[in-house]
């Protein structure tokens, strides 16, 4: 199945993944290539999501988490 990964304005990848692939699998497999920071918010098709299995055609967007002030 094919999904789209987005990080920032310029990083966009269309990748082929196995059925049953989860968000955490994507981070493990593609996080370094995308240059993801350790702490990111994850949106699947524009909706905040946890670690769920992805579906064909999903768009996974990674957004850098805002820094919290102490």
Protein backbone atom coordinates (compact mmCIF):
# COMPACT_ATOMS: atom_id res chain seq x y z
CA UNK A 1 0.00 0.00 0.00
CA UNK A 2 1.11 3.55 -0.63
CA UNK A 3 1.19 6.39 1.92
CA UNK A 4 2.50 9.95 1.96
CA UNK A 5 4.86 11.27 4.65
CA UNK A 6 5.18 15.02 5.29
CA UNK A 7 7.53 16.95 7.54
CA UNK A 8 7.94 20.69 7.27
CA UNK A 9 7.29 22.61 4.11
CA UNK A 10 9.74 20.84 1.82
CA UNK A 11 9.91 17.22 2.93
CA UNK A 12 7.36 15.00 1.20
CA UNK A 13 7.82 11.30 0.51
CA UNK A 14 5.47 8.81 -1.12
CA UNK A 15 6.39 5.38 0.19
CA UNK A 16 5.26 1.81 -0.25
CA UNK A 17 4.61 0.00 3.07
CA UNK A 18 3.20 -3.35 4.14
CA UNK A 19 -0.36 -3.78 5.32
CA UNK A 20 -0.48 -3.44 9.11
CA UNK A 21 2.30 -0.82 9.23
CA UNK A 22 1.87 1.55 12.19
CA UNK A 23 2.94 5.12 12.83
CA UNK A 24 5.73 3.91 15.12
CA UNK A 25 6.98 1.61 12.33
CA UNK A 26 7.14 4.66 10.04
CA UNK A 27 9.11 6.66 12.60
CA UNK A 28 11.55 3.76 13.05
CA UNK A 29 11.96 3.21 9.29
CA UNK A 30 11.86 6.76 7.90
CA UNK A 31 12.41 9.16 10.84
CA UNK A 32 16.13 9.66 10.25
CA UNK A 33 15.69 10.15 6.50
CA UNK A 34 13.02 12.79 7.12
CA UNK A 35 15.15 14.47 9.80
CA UNK A 36 12.45 14.12 12.46
CA UNK A 37 13.24 15.53 15.91
CA UNK A 38 12.70 13.28 18.95
CA UNK A 39 9.40 14.90 19.84
CA UNK A 40 6.76 15.28 17.13
CA UNK A 41 3.01 15.60 16.88
CA UNK A 42 1.49 13.17 14.40
CA UNK A 43 -1.50 13.83 12.16
CA UNK A 44 -3.06 11.23 9.91
CA UNK A 45 -5.14 12.82 7.16
CA UNK A 46 -5.18 16.05 9.20
CA UNK A 47 -6.43 14.46 12.43
CA UNK A 48 -4.32 13.98 15.57
CA UNK A 49 -3.57 10.28 15.87
CA UNK A 50 -1.83 7.77 18.04
CA UNK A 51 -0.05 4.64 16.92
CA UNK A 52 -2.61 3.01 14.66
CA UNK A 53 -2.30 0.86 11.58
CA UNK A 54 -2.12 2.94 8.43
CA UNK A 55 -4.42 2.53 5.45
CA UNK A 56 -3.69 2.81 1.75
CA UNK A 57 -3.66 6.47 0.71
CA UNK A 58 -3.13 7.89 4.23
CA UNK A 59 -1.09 11.07 4.61
CA UNK A 60 1.02 11.14 7.77
CA UNK A 61 2.17 14.62 8.80
CA UNK A 62 4.85 15.13 11.44
CA UNK A 63 4.97 18.48 13.22
CA UNK A 64 7.67 19.57 15.64
CA UNK A 65 6.18 19.90 19.13
CA UNK A 66 6.15 23.37 20.63
CA UNK A 67 8.57 23.89 23.49
CA UNK A 68 6.94 24.05 26.91
CA UNK A 69 8.13 26.77 29.29
CA UNK A 70 8.80 25.80 32.88
